[in-house]
Amino acid sequence: MPIKAKRWVLASRPTGKPKAENFRLEDVTLPDIGEHDILIRTEFHSVDPGMRGRLSGDSYTAALPVGQTIDSAMVGIVEASNNEKFAVGDRVTGGFGWVSHAVSNGRGVQKLDPAIYHGKLRPTAAIGVLGIPGLTSYFGLLDLGQPKEGDTVLISSAAGPVGATAGQIARMKGCKVVGIAGSKEKCDYVKGLGFDDCFSYRGADLRTAIAAACPGGVDIYFDNVGGEMLDATILNMKEHGRIVVSGQVSEYNRAENELTGIRNVTRFITHRLRMEGLVVFDYFKRFREAQAEMAGWIHEGKLVYTEDVSEGLEGSADAFIGLFEGENLGRRLIKVS
């Protein structure tokens, strides 16, 4: 019989910081599952700052149309199946968005292996530390940053899931790791993960604060913020330094005419700097390899992850808006059921 479900859609395109009126929670009726379909009940869905660009226009993928379901990753349980690859009770992950239920033919859906997801590695890790945030950290740091033992690595938004993971991987590679975060609480959390130091950007003269925390200069800057923080870091980079552009959270809510661009370009010449961005899906063929290595680190206690879980699908929009107020500590998830 048809399933009564709920979903969040884009009601209007945000200007500046997203507001509650930009989103709408709808009741929907899902059809009976077809010959090869499965019905998935969402347990958790993610809330992703990188989604912000697509709400206003084209980003690394096309703009989300008004009226469409807000995209995100989810973990759920198969409740009905006409697909031989999936059994009722299987725990799966897919990209169905802010929804209570989803019907799928199985394309793009992955079963979570209980042999991997146990103990320290919770199923929600599939859409966090072993999902897009963790994979961004892994490939951004190792492929683009190319850390060497003794390097100084500076990470902005260090208490977020990408920054926290990148910092721990850098420590495993023998680097000195310094974080930038938005509060003493977040800095204490970051230092508890093994970062050598962390400071709050609030009220700080960034160029001076970076110089004090990294007196010999910065070899690798893992940038999740952009803006003035990027400019200040450029002036503290060592020769042949590498800047990995993972995210630009300070820029997502600015109008195009408010973007100033990088001012300290001469430093790229004098210090032979390299700056490169990444879209993690470019590494799709290597995802399993990276996930296997990171899962091993988690089970060995070398890599720790934190989840910021809110209860109830009704709170999804508020949780997303809160990302841009610096509310979250770790990967922000919604517990749907």
C-alpha atoms as a PDB file:
ATOM      1  CA  MET A   1       0.000   0.000   0.000  1.00  0.00           C
ATOM      2  CA  PRO A   2       1.162   3.603  -0.581  1.00  0.00           C
ATOM      3  CA  ILE A   3       3.421   5.082   2.097  1.00  0.00           C
ATOM      4  CA  LYS A   4       2.784   8.439   3.766  1.00  0.00           C
ATOM      5  CA  ALA A   5       6.116  10.270   3.911  1.00  0.00           C
ATOM      6  CA  LYS A   6       7.604  13.699   4.545  1.00  0.00           C
ATOM      7  CA  ARG A   7      10.278  15.673   2.713  1.00  0.00           C
ATOM      8  CA  TRP A   8      11.899  19.098   2.855  1.00  0.00           C
ATOM      9  CA  VAL A   9      11.977  21.094  -0.386  1.00  0.00           C
ATOM     10  CA  LEU A  10      13.538  24.368  -1.490  1.00  0.00           C
ATOM     11  CA  ALA A  11      10.720  26.934  -1.212  1.00  0.00           C
ATOM     12  CA  SER A  12      12.701  29.944  -2.454  1.00  0.00           C
ATOM     13  CA  ARG A  13      16.308  30.827  -3.230  1.00  0.00           C
ATOM     14  CA  PRO A  14      18.139  32.345  -0.247  1.00  0.00           C
ATOM     15  CA  THR A  15      19.944  35.667  -0.432  1.00  0.00           C
ATOM     16  CA  GLY A  16      22.709  35.864   2.152  1.00  0.00           C
ATOM     17  CA  LYS A  17      22.280  33.491   5.080  1.00  0.00           C
ATOM     18  CA  PRO A  18      19.484  30.950   4.552  1.00  0.00           C
ATOM     19  CA  LYS A  19      16.234  31.612   6.419  1.00  0.00           C
ATOM     20  CA  ALA A  20      13.404  29.359   7.537  1.00  0.00           C
ATOM     21  CA  GLU A  21      11.118  30.645   4.765  1.00  0.00           C
ATOM     22  CA  ASN A  22      13.523  29.310   2.128  1.00  0.00           C
ATOM     23  CA  PHE A  23      12.481  25.753   3.075  1.00  0.00           C
ATOM     24  CA  ARG A  24       9.180  23.882   3.235  1.00  0.00           C
ATOM     25  CA  LEU A  25       8.260  20.565   4.869  1.00  0.00           C
ATOM     26  CA  GLU A  26       5.770  18.642   2.716  1.00  0.00           C
ATOM     27  CA  ASP A  27       3.645  15.537   3.140  1.00  0.00           C
ATOM     28  CA  VAL A  28       3.977  13.170   0.192  1.00  0.00           C
ATOM     29  CA  THR A  29       2.520   9.813  -0.758  1.00  0.00           C
ATOM     30  CA  LEU A  30       5.016   7.337  -2.181  1.00  0.00           C
ATOM     31  CA  PRO A  31       3.777   4.789  -4.731  1.00  0.00           C
ATOM     32  CA  ASP A  32       3.816   1.049  -4.185  1.00  0.00           C
ATOM     33  CA  ILE A  33       7.269  -0.308  -4.940  1.00  0.00           C
ATOM     34  CA  GLY A  34       7.796  -1.624  -8.449  1.00  0.00           C
ATOM     35  CA  GLU A  35       9.213  -4.885  -9.727  1.00  0.00           C
ATOM     36  CA  HIS A  36      12.861  -4.160  -8.808  1.00  0.00           C
ATOM     37  CA  ASP A  37      12.332  -1.456  -6.182  1.00  0.00           C
ATOM     38  CA  ILE A  38      13.047  -1.145  -2.486  1.00  0.00           C
ATOM     39  CA  LEU A  39      11.445   1.027   0.196  1.00  0.00           C
ATOM     40  CA  ILE A  40      13.909   2.651   2.591  1.00  0.00           C
ATOM     41  CA  ARG A  41      13.018   4.226   5.934  1.00  0.00           C
ATOM     42  CA  THR A  42      15.492   6.984   6.791  1.00  0.00           C
ATOM     43  CA  GLU A  43      17.268   6.654  10.123  1.00  0.00           C
ATOM     44  CA  PHE A  44      19.639   9.637   9.724  1.00  0.00           C
ATOM     45  CA  HIS A  45      20.319  12.266   7.094  1.00  0.00           C
ATOM     46  CA  SER A  46      23.242  14.674   6.884  1.00  0.00           C
ATOM     47  CA  VAL A  47      23.203  18.478   6.909  1.00  0.00           C
ATOM     48  CA  ASP A  48      25.918  19.837   4.638  1.00  0.00           C
ATOM     49  CA  PRO A  49      27.305  23.406   4.399  1.00  0.00           C
ATOM     50  CA  GLY A  50      28.586  22.662   0.895  1.00  0.00           C
ATOM     51  CA  MET A  51      24.953  22.426  -0.239  1.00  0.00           C
ATOM     52  CA  ARG A  52      24.557  26.190   0.283  1.00  0.00           C
ATOM     53  CA  GLY A  53      25.864  27.169  -3.165  1.00  0.00           C
ATOM     54  CA  ARG A  54      23.354  25.002  -5.016  1.00  0.00           C
ATOM     55  CA  LEU A  55      20.434  26.680  -3.238  1.00  0.00           C
ATOM     56  CA  SER A  56      21.223  29.990  -4.967  1.00  0.00           C
ATOM     57  CA  GLY A  57      22.627  28.886  -8.324  1.00  0.00           C
ATOM     58  CA  ASP A  58      25.017  26.584 -10.113  1.00  0.00           C
ATOM     59  CA  SER A  59      27.890  25.313  -7.990  1.00  0.00           C
ATOM     60  CA  TYR A  60      30.111  22.258  -8.551  1.00  0.00           C
ATOM     61  CA  THR A  61      26.854  20.727  -9.813  1.00  0.00           C
ATOM     62  CA  ALA A  62      23.683  22.334 -11.174  1.00  0.00           C
ATOM     63  CA  ALA A  63      21.490  24.536  -9.001  1.00  0.00           C
ATOM     64  CA  LEU A  64      18.768  22.735  -7.054  1.00  0.00           C
ATOM     65  CA  PRO A  65      15.414  23.620  -8.671  1.00  0.00           C
ATOM     66  CA  VAL A  66      12.857  25.376  -6.468  1.00  0.00           C
ATOM     67  CA  GLY A  67      10.346  22.820  -5.243  1.00  0.00           C
ATOM     68  CA  GLN A  68      12.839  19.938  -5.267  1.00  0.00           C
ATOM     69  CA  THR A  69      13.918  17.830  -2.266  1.00  0.00           C
ATOM     70  CA  ILE A  70      16.975  19.175  -0.454  1.00  0.00           C
ATOM     71  CA  ASP A  71      19.913  16.918  -1.297  1.00  0.00           C
ATOM     72  CA  SER A  72      21.913  15.061   1.335  1.00  0.00           C
ATOM     73  CA  ALA A  73      23.241  11.647   2.219  1.00  0.00           C
ATOM     74  CA  MET A  74      21.213   9.293   4.399  1.00  0.00           C
ATOM     75  CA  VAL A  75      21.416   6.012   6.271  1.00  0.00           C
ATOM     76  CA  GLY A  76      18.285   3.886   6.406  1.00  0.00           C
ATOM     77  CA  ILE A  77      16.682   0.462   6.716  1.00  0.00           C
ATOM     78  CA  VAL A  78      15.127  -1.499   3.851  1.00  0.00           C
ATOM     79  CA  GLU A  79      11.476  -2.012   4.860  1.00  0.00           C
ATOM     80  CA  ALA A  80      10.234  -3.707   1.673  1.00  0.00           C
ATOM     81  CA  SER A  81      12.113  -5.197  -1.266  1.00  0.00           C
ATOM     82  CA  ASN A  82      11.403  -6.513  -4.753  1.00  0.00           C
ATOM     83  CA  ASN A  83      15.127  -6.353  -5.540  1.00  0.00           C
ATOM     84  CA  GLU A  84      17.209  -9.514  -5.174  1.00  0.00           C
ATOM     85  CA  LYS A  85      20.248  -7.476  -4.103  1.00  0.00           C
ATOM     86  CA  PHE A  86      18.531  -6.127  -0.974  1.00  0.00           C
ATOM     87  CA  ALA A  87      16.695  -7.873   1.852  1.00  0.00           C
ATOM     88  CA  VAL A  88      14.255  -6.430   4.345  1.00  0.00           C
ATOM     89  CA  GLY A  89      16.289  -5.233   7.324  1.00  0.00           C
ATOM     90  CA  ASP A  90      19.427  -4.346   5.350  1.00  0.00           C
ATOM     91  CA  ARG A  91      21.010  -1.102   6.493  1.00  0.00           C
ATOM     92  CA  VAL A  92      21.889   1.034   3.469  1.00  0.00           C
ATOM     93  CA  THR A  93      23.157   4.460   2.466  1.00  0.00           C
ATOM     94  CA  GLY A  94      22.225   6.649  -0.480  1.00  0.00           C
ATOM     95  CA  GLY A  95      21.707  10.232  -1.581  1.00  0.00           C
ATOM     96  CA  PHE A  96      17.953  10.680  -1.129  1.00  0.00           C
ATOM     97  CA  GLY A  97      17.967  13.949   0.819  1.00  0.00           C
ATOM     98  CA  TRP A  98      15.927  15.319   3.685  1.00  0.00           C
ATOM     99  CA  VAL A  99      13.181  12.660   3.566  1.00  0.00           C
ATOM    100  CA  SER A 100      11.469  10.223   5.901  1.00  0.00           C
ATOM    101  CA  HIS A 101      11.242   7.452   3.282  1.00  0.00           C
ATOM    102  CA  ALA A 102      12.534   6.789  -0.223  1.00  0.00           C
ATOM    103  CA  VAL A 103      11.712   4.379  -3.039  1.00  0.00           C
ATOM    104  CA  SER A 104      14.642   3.275  -5.205  1.00  0.00           C
ATOM    105  CA  ASN A 105      15.529   0.734  -7.860  1.00  0.00           C
ATOM    106  CA  GLY A 106      18.790   0.209  -5.964  1.00  0.00           C
ATOM    107  CA  ARG A 107      20.995   2.339  -8.188  1.00  0.00           C
ATOM    108  CA  GLY A 108      23.434   4.323  -6.052  1.00  0.00           C
ATOM    109  CA  VAL A 109      22.368   2.477  -2.887  1.00  0.00           C
ATOM    110  CA  GLN A 110      25.070   0.704  -0.872  1.00  0.00           C
ATOM    111  CA  LYS A 111      24.604  -1.922   1.803  1.00  0.00           C
ATOM    112  CA  LEU A 112      26.586  -1.343   4.977  1.00  0.00           C
ATOM    113  CA  ASP A 113      28.707  -4.340   5.893  1.00  0.00           C
ATOM    114  CA  PRO A 114      28.192  -5.263   9.589  1.00  0.00           C
ATOM    115  CA  ALA A 115      31.732  -6.665   9.587  1.00  0.00           C
ATOM    116  CA  ILE A 116      32.989  -3.075   9.134  1.00  0.00           C
ATOM    117  CA  TYR A 117      30.310  -1.043  10.895  1.00  0.00           C
ATOM    118  CA  HIS A 118      30.529  -2.177  14.498  1.00  0.00           C
ATOM    119  CA  GLY A 119      32.075  -1.002  17.752  1.00  0.00           C
ATOM    120  CA  LYS A 120      33.754   2.371  17.304  1.00  0.00           C
ATOM    121  CA  LEU A 121      32.530   2.592  13.698  1.00  0.00           C
ATOM    122  CA  ARG A 122      28.825   3.417  13.870  1.00  0.00           C
ATOM    123  CA  PRO A 123      26.616   3.138  10.742  1.00  0.00           C
ATOM    124  CA  THR A 124      26.330   6.924  10.602  1.00  0.00           C
ATOM    125  CA  ALA A 125      30.059   7.061   9.831  1.00  0.00           C
ATOM    126  CA  ALA A 126      29.086   6.036   6.282  1.00  0.00           C
ATOM    127  CA  ILE A 127      27.766   9.571   5.712  1.00  0.00           C
ATOM    128  CA  GLY A 128      30.429  11.290   7.801  1.00  0.00           C
ATOM    129  CA  VAL A 129      34.000  10.247   8.422  1.00  0.00           C
ATOM    130  CA  LEU A 130      33.777   7.516   5.739  1.00  0.00           C
ATOM    131  CA  GLY A 131      31.493   9.634   3.553  1.00  0.00           C
ATOM    132  CA  ILE A 132      32.049  12.878   1.674  1.00  0.00           C
ATOM    133  CA  PRO A 133      33.523  14.909   4.603  1.00  0.00           C
ATOM    134  CA  GLY A 134      36.085  12.268   5.559  1.00  0.00           C
ATOM    135  CA  LEU A 135      36.981  11.460   1.965  1.00  0.00           C
ATOM    136  CA  THR A 136      37.482  15.173   1.286  1.00  0.00           C
ATOM    137  CA  SER A 137      39.944  15.281   4.199  1.00  0.00           C
ATOM    138  CA  TYR A 138      41.743  12.152   3.035  1.00  0.00           C
ATOM    139  CA  PHE A 139      42.252  13.053  -0.613  1.00  0.00           C
ATOM    140  CA  GLY A 140      42.645  16.787  -0.027  1.00  0.00           C
ATOM    141  CA  LEU A 141      45.415  16.358   2.496  1.00  0.00           C
ATOM    142  CA  LEU A 142      47.221  13.325   1.075  1.00  0.00           C
ATOM    143  CA  ASP A 143      46.875  13.935  -2.677  1.00  0.00           C
ATOM    144  CA  LEU A 144      46.949  17.735  -2.860  1.00  0.00           C
ATOM    145  CA  GLY A 145      48.759  18.642   0.368  1.00  0.00           C
ATOM    146  CA  GLN A 146      51.329  15.836   0.127  1.00  0.00           C
ATOM    147  CA  PRO A 147      52.407  16.096   3.782  1.00  0.00           C
ATOM    148  CA  LYS A 148      55.921  15.198   4.820  1.00  0.00           C
ATOM    149  CA  GLU A 149      57.133  14.446   8.330  1.00  0.00           C
ATOM    150  CA  GLY A 150      57.941  17.706  10.111  1.00  0.00           C
ATOM    151  CA  ASP A 151      55.640  19.863   7.964  1.00  0.00           C
ATOM    152  CA  THR A 152      53.482  22.480   9.672  1.00  0.00           C
ATOM    153  CA  VAL A 153      49.821  22.063   8.703  1.00  0.00           C
ATOM    154  CA  LEU A 154      47.284  24.812   9.435  1.00  0.00           C
ATOM    155  CA  ILE A 155      43.578  23.914   9.265  1.00  0.00           C
ATOM    156  CA  SER A 156      40.649  26.337   9.319  1.00  0.00           C
ATOM    157  CA  SER A 157      37.221  25.297  10.649  1.00  0.00           C
ATOM    158  CA  ALA A 158      39.256  22.718  12.534  1.00  0.00           C
ATOM    159  CA  ALA A 159      36.385  21.501  14.726  1.00  0.00           C
ATOM    160  CA  GLY A 160      34.231  20.624  11.719  1.00  0.00           C
ATOM    161  CA  PRO A 161      34.185  17.063  10.348  1.00  0.00           C
ATOM    162  CA  VAL A 162      36.524  17.840   7.439  1.00  0.00           C
ATOM    163  CA  GLY A 163      39.040  19.856   9.428  1.00  0.00           C
ATOM    164  CA  ALA A 164      39.106  17.506  12.415  1.00  0.00           C
ATOM    165  CA  THR A 165      39.718  14.481  10.191  1.00  0.00           C
ATOM    166  CA  ALA A 166      42.384  16.204   8.095  1.00  0.00           C
ATOM    167  CA  GLY A 167      44.227  17.273  11.246  1.00  0.00           C
ATOM    168  CA  GLN A 168      44.298  13.773  12.673  1.00  0.00           C
ATOM    169  CA  ILE A 169      45.588  12.332   9.397  1.00  0.00           C
ATOM    170  CA  ALA A 170      48.308  15.016   9.321  1.00  0.00           C
ATOM    171  CA  ARG A 171      49.363  14.020  12.848  1.00  0.00           C
ATOM    172  CA  MET A 172      49.630  10.383  11.714  1.00  0.00           C
ATOM    173  CA  LYS A 173      52.011  11.586   8.979  1.00  0.00           C
ATOM    174  CA  GLY A 174      54.286  13.224  11.566  1.00  0.00           C
ATOM    175  CA  CYS A 175      53.246  16.840  10.978  1.00  0.00           C
ATOM    176  CA  LYS A 176      52.817  19.693  13.421  1.00  0.00           C
ATOM    177  CA  VAL A 177      49.097  20.555  13.245  1.00  0.00           C
ATOM    178  CA  VAL A 178      47.522  23.888  14.202  1.00  0.00           C
ATOM    179  CA  GLY A 179      43.789  24.522  14.074  1.00  0.00           C
ATOM    180  CA  ILE A 180      41.672  27.653  13.760  1.00  0.00           C
ATOM    181  CA  ALA A 181      38.181  27.469  15.276  1.00  0.00           C
ATOM    182  CA  GLY A 182      35.426  29.749  16.557  1.00  0.00           C
ATOM    183  CA  SER A 183      35.609  29.321  20.332  1.00  0.00           C
ATOM    184  CA  LYS A 184      37.723  28.093  23.242  1.00  0.00           C
ATOM    185  CA  GLU A 185      35.410  25.078  23.556  1.00  0.00           C
ATOM    186  CA  LYS A 186      36.078  24.109  19.938  1.00  0.00           C
ATOM    187  CA  CYS A 187      39.821  24.665  20.353  1.00  0.00           C
ATOM    188  CA  ASP A 188      39.846  22.448  23.452  1.00  0.00           C
ATOM    189  CA  TYR A 189      38.029  19.762  21.450  1.00  0.00           C
ATOM    190  CA  VAL A 190      40.532  20.027  18.598  1.00  0.00           C
ATOM    191  CA  LYS A 191      43.532  19.817  20.920  1.00  0.00           C
ATOM    192  CA  GLY A 192      41.924  16.754  22.484  1.00  0.00           C
ATOM    193  CA  LEU A 193      42.112  15.114  19.053  1.00  0.00           C
ATOM    194  CA  GLY A 194      45.885  15.544  19.055  1.00  0.00           C
ATOM    195  CA  PHE A 195      46.329  18.928  17.355  1.00  0.00           C
ATOM    196  CA  ASP A 196      49.460  20.653  18.652  1.00  0.00           C
ATOM    197  CA  ASP A 197      47.705  24.006  19.004  1.00  0.00           C
ATOM    198  CA  CYS A 198      44.504  25.837  18.159  1.00  0.00           C
ATOM    199  CA  PHE A 199      43.315  29.429  18.416  1.00  0.00           C
ATOM    200  CA  SER A 200      39.985  31.195  17.985  1.00  0.00           C
ATOM    201  CA  TYR A 201      39.649  33.563  15.057  1.00  0.00           C
ATOM    202  CA  ARG A 202      37.092  35.702  16.884  1.00  0.00           C
ATOM    203  CA  GLY A 203      38.595  39.103  17.658  1.00  0.00           C
ATOM    204  CA  ALA A 204      42.035  37.997  16.482  1.00  0.00           C
ATOM    205  CA  ASP A 205      44.414  39.756  14.131  1.00  0.00           C
ATOM    206  CA  LEU A 206      44.666  36.713  11.901  1.00  0.00           C
ATOM    207  CA  ARG A 207      48.059  37.373  10.344  1.00  0.00           C
ATOM    208  CA  THR A 208      49.637  37.890  13.773  1.00  0.00           C
ATOM    209  CA  ALA A 209      47.813  34.960  15.377  1.00  0.00           C
ATOM    210  CA  ILE A 210      48.900  32.576  12.612  1.00  0.00           C
ATOM    211  CA  ALA A 211      52.503  33.795  12.871  1.00  0.00           C
ATOM    212  CA  ALA A 212      52.454  33.207  16.636  1.00  0.00           C
ATOM    213  CA  ALA A 213      51.037  29.671  16.307  1.00  0.00           C
ATOM    214  CA  CYS A 214      53.247  28.753  13.331  1.00  0.00           C
ATOM    215  CA  PRO A 215      56.474  30.724  13.970  1.00  0.00           C
ATOM    216  CA  GLY A 216      58.398  28.910  11.252  1.00  0.00           C
ATOM    217  CA  GLY A 217      55.645  29.401   8.695  1.00  0.00           C
ATOM    218  CA  VAL A 218      52.999  27.126   7.178  1.00  0.00           C
ATOM    219  CA  ASP A 219      53.801  24.264   4.773  1.00  0.00           C
ATOM    220  CA  ILE A 220      50.198  23.178   4.123  1.00  0.00           C
ATOM    221  CA  TYR A 221      47.046  25.218   4.634  1.00  0.00           C
ATOM    222  CA  PHE A 222      43.861  23.141   4.543  1.00  0.00           C
ATOM    223  CA  ASP A 223      41.291  25.823   3.790  1.00  0.00           C
ATOM    224  CA  ASN A 224      37.632  25.358   4.688  1.00  0.00           C
ATOM    225  CA  VAL A 225      36.822  29.055   5.134  1.00  0.00           C
ATOM    226  CA  GLY A 226      38.345  31.339   2.471  1.00  0.00           C
ATOM    227  CA  GLY A 227      38.052  35.126   2.704  1.00  0.00           C
ATOM    228  CA  GLU A 228      40.247  37.104   5.076  1.00  0.00           C
ATOM    229  CA  MET A 229      41.549  33.930   6.733  1.00  0.00           C
ATOM    230  CA  LEU A 230      42.978  32.715   3.429  1.00  0.00           C
ATOM    231  CA  ASP A 231      44.607  36.098   2.773  1.00  0.00           C
ATOM    232  CA  ALA A 232      46.203  36.151   6.228  1.00  0.00           C
ATOM    233  CA  THR A 233      47.518  32.617   5.804  1.00  0.00           C
ATOM    234  CA  ILE A 234      49.079  33.345   2.404  1.00  0.00           C
ATOM    235  CA  LEU A 235      51.310  35.890   4.146  1.00  0.00           C
ATOM    236  CA  ASN A 236      52.484  33.152   6.546  1.00  0.00           C
ATOM    237  CA  MET A 237      53.206  30.425   3.999  1.00  0.00           C
ATOM    238  CA  LYS A 238      56.680  28.941   3.606  1.00  0.00           C
ATOM    239  CA  GLU A 239      58.362  28.641   0.244  1.00  0.00           C
ATOM    240  CA  HIS A 240      56.796  25.871  -1.849  1.00  0.00           C
ATOM    241  CA  GLY A 241      53.788  25.826   0.465  1.00  0.00           C
ATOM    242  CA  ARG A 242      50.596  24.090  -0.590  1.00  0.00           C
ATOM    243  CA  ILE A 243      47.086  25.468  -0.104  1.00  0.00           C
ATOM    244  CA  VAL A 244      44.265  22.919  -0.333  1.00  0.00           C
ATOM    245  CA  VAL A 245      40.911  24.590  -1.015  1.00  0.00           C
ATOM    246  CA  SER A 246      38.309  22.286   0.496  1.00  0.00           C
ATOM    247  CA  GLY A 247      35.504  24.760   1.293  1.00  0.00           C
ATOM    248  CA  GLN A 248      34.747  28.464   1.483  1.00  0.00           C
ATOM    249  CA  VAL A 249      32.189  28.742   4.250  1.00  0.00           C
ATOM    250  CA  SER A 250      32.830  32.478   4.779  1.00  0.00           C
ATOM    251  CA  GLU A 251      31.920  33.114   1.123  1.00  0.00           C
ATOM    252  CA  TYR A 252      28.811  30.965   0.669  1.00  0.00           C
ATOM    253  CA  ASN A 253      26.355  33.599   1.902  1.00  0.00           C
ATOM    254  CA  ARG A 254      27.976  36.639   0.270  1.00  0.00           C
ATOM    255  CA  ALA A 255      26.540  38.306  -2.804  1.00  0.00           C
ATOM    256  CA  GLU A 256      28.766  38.256  -5.874  1.00  0.00           C
ATOM    257  CA  ASN A 257      29.480  41.985  -5.582  1.00  0.00           C
ATOM    258  CA  GLU A 258      30.718  41.449  -1.993  1.00  0.00           C
ATOM    259  CA  LEU A 259      33.473  38.991  -2.966  1.00  0.00           C
ATOM    260  CA  THR A 260      36.884  40.658  -2.878  1.00  0.00           C
ATOM    261  CA  GLY A 261      39.139  37.886  -4.155  1.00  0.00           C
ATOM    262  CA  ILE A 262      42.671  37.098  -3.036  1.00  0.00           C
ATOM    263  CA  ARG A 263      44.797  40.196  -2.469  1.00  0.00           C
ATOM    264  CA  ASN A 264      48.210  38.708  -1.717  1.00  0.00           C
ATOM    265  CA  VAL A 265      48.915  37.119  -5.095  1.00  0.00           C
ATOM    266  CA  THR A 266      52.551  38.291  -5.257  1.00  0.00           C
ATOM    267  CA  ARG A 267      53.361  35.778  -2.531  1.00  0.00           C
ATOM    268  CA  PHE A 268      52.603  32.966  -4.987  1.00  0.00           C
ATOM    269  CA  ILE A 269      55.540  34.176  -7.071  1.00  0.00           C
ATOM    270  CA  THR A 270      58.023  35.028  -4.338  1.00  0.00           C
ATOM    271  CA  HIS A 271      57.321  31.855  -2.326  1.00  0.00           C
ATOM    272  CA  ARG A 272      56.428  29.534  -5.241  1.00  0.00           C
ATOM    273  CA  LEU A 273      53.112  28.637  -3.637  1.00  0.00           C
ATOM    274  CA  ARG A 274      50.607  26.186  -5.075  1.00  0.00           C
ATOM    275  CA  MET A 275      46.866  26.418  -4.449  1.00  0.00           C
ATOM    276  CA  GLU A 276      44.427  23.792  -5.681  1.00  0.00           C
ATOM    277  CA  GLY A 277      40.798  22.955  -5.002  1.00  0.00           C
ATOM    278  CA  LEU A 278      39.093  19.602  -5.124  1.00  0.00           C
ATOM    279  CA  VAL A 279      35.709  18.073  -5.751  1.00  0.00           C
ATOM    280  CA  VAL A 280      35.944  14.757  -3.964  1.00  0.00           C
ATOM    281  CA  PHE A 281      33.828  12.916  -6.544  1.00  0.00           C
ATOM    282  CA  ASP A 282      36.827  13.149  -8.887  1.00  0.00           C
ATOM    283  CA  TYR A 283      38.329  10.403  -6.689  1.00  0.00           C
ATOM    284  CA  PHE A 284      35.281   8.142  -6.887  1.00  0.00           C
ATOM    285  CA  LYS A 285      37.229   5.111  -8.135  1.00  0.00           C
ATOM    286  CA  ARG A 286      39.443   5.261  -5.033  1.00  0.00           C
ATOM    287  CA  PHE A 287      36.677   5.698  -2.437  1.00  0.00           C
ATOM    288  CA  ARG A 288      36.718   2.069  -1.257  1.00  0.00           C
ATOM    289  CA  GLU A 289      40.496   2.101  -0.820  1.00  0.00           C
ATOM    290  CA  ALA A 290      40.315   5.255   1.304  1.00  0.00           C
ATOM    291  CA  GLN A 291      37.323   4.020   3.312  1.00  0.00           C
ATOM    292  CA  ALA A 292      39.089   0.753   4.113  1.00  0.00           C
ATOM    293  CA  GLU A 293      42.185   2.554   5.382  1.00  0.00           C
ATOM    294  CA  MET A 294      40.201   5.032   7.478  1.00  0.00           C
ATOM    295  CA  ALA A 295      37.995   2.256   8.910  1.00  0.00           C
ATOM    296  CA  GLY A 296      41.179   0.524  10.052  1.00  0.00           C
ATOM    297  CA  TRP A 297      42.395   3.703  11.717  1.00  0.00           C
ATOM    298  CA  ILE A 298      39.078   4.087  13.561  1.00  0.00           C
ATOM    299  CA  HIS A 299      39.043   0.506  14.839  1.00  0.00           C
ATOM    300  CA  GLU A 300      42.679   0.931  15.951  1.00  0.00           C
ATOM    301  CA  GLY A 301      41.799   4.133  17.822  1.00  0.00           C
ATOM    302  CA  LYS A 302      44.023   6.333  15.636  1.00  0.00           C
ATOM    303  CA  LEU A 303      41.142   8.331  14.116  1.00  0.00           C
ATOM    304  CA  VAL A 304      38.279   9.721  16.206  1.00  0.00           C
ATOM    305  CA  TYR A 305      35.092  11.315  14.894  1.00  0.00           C
ATOM    306  CA  THR A 306      32.308  13.321  16.508  1.00  0.00           C
ATOM    307  CA  GLU A 307      28.676  13.603  15.461  1.00  0.00           C
ATOM    308  CA  ASP A 308      26.303  16.451  16.302  1.00  0.00           C
ATOM    309  CA  VAL A 309      22.881  14.780  16.183  1.00  0.00           C
ATOM    310  CA  SER A 310      19.523  16.585  16.297  1.00  0.00           C
ATOM    311  CA  GLU A 311      16.245  14.700  16.801  1.00  0.00           C
ATOM    312  CA  GLY A 312      13.424  14.870  14.281  1.00  0.00           C
ATOM    313  CA  LEU A 313      13.018  15.590  10.567  1.00  0.00           C
ATOM    314  CA  GLU A 314      11.061  18.734  11.498  1.00  0.00           C
ATOM    315  CA  GLY A 315      14.306  20.379  12.648  1.00  0.00           C
ATOM    316  CA  SER A 316      16.318  19.826   9.448  1.00  0.00           C
ATOM    317  CA  ALA A 317      16.080  23.398   8.131  1.00  0.00           C
ATOM    318  CA  ASP A 318      16.975  24.951  11.490  1.00  0.00           C
ATOM    319  CA  ALA A 319      19.954  22.594  11.787  1.00  0.00           C
ATOM    320  CA  PHE A 320      21.159  23.633   8.325  1.00  0.00           C
ATOM    321  CA  ILE A 321      20.785  27.349   9.088  1.00  0.00           C
ATOM    322  CA  GLY A 322      22.701  26.824  12.346  1.00  0.00           C
ATOM    323  CA  LEU A 323      25.739  25.603  10.418  1.00  0.00           C
ATOM    324  CA  PHE A 324      26.351  29.199   9.337  1.00  0.00           C
ATOM    325  CA  GLU A 325      26.139  30.424  12.934  1.00  0.00           C
ATOM    326  CA  GLY A 326      28.959  28.076  13.976  1.00  0.00           C
ATOM    327  CA  GLU A 327      26.684  25.949  16.161  1.00  0.00           C
ATOM    328  CA  ASN A 328      27.913  22.480  15.272  1.00  0.00           C
ATOM    329  CA  LEU A 329      30.762  20.493  16.750  1.00  0.00           C
ATOM    330  CA  GLY A 330      31.556  17.622  14.398  1.00  0.00           C
ATOM    331  CA  ARG A 331      29.356  16.144  11.676  1.00  0.00           C
ATOM    332  CA  ARG A 332      25.798  17.485  11.858  1.00  0.00           C
ATOM    333  CA  LEU A 333      23.143  14.803  11.427  1.00  0.00           C
ATOM    334  CA  ILE A 334      19.373  14.591  11.822  1.00  0.00           C
ATOM    335  CA  LYS A 335      17.944  11.488  13.520  1.00  0.00           C
ATOM    336  CA  VAL A 336      14.761  10.908  11.554  1.00  0.00           C
ATOM    337  CA  SER A 337      13.585   7.598  13.019  1.00  0.00           C
END
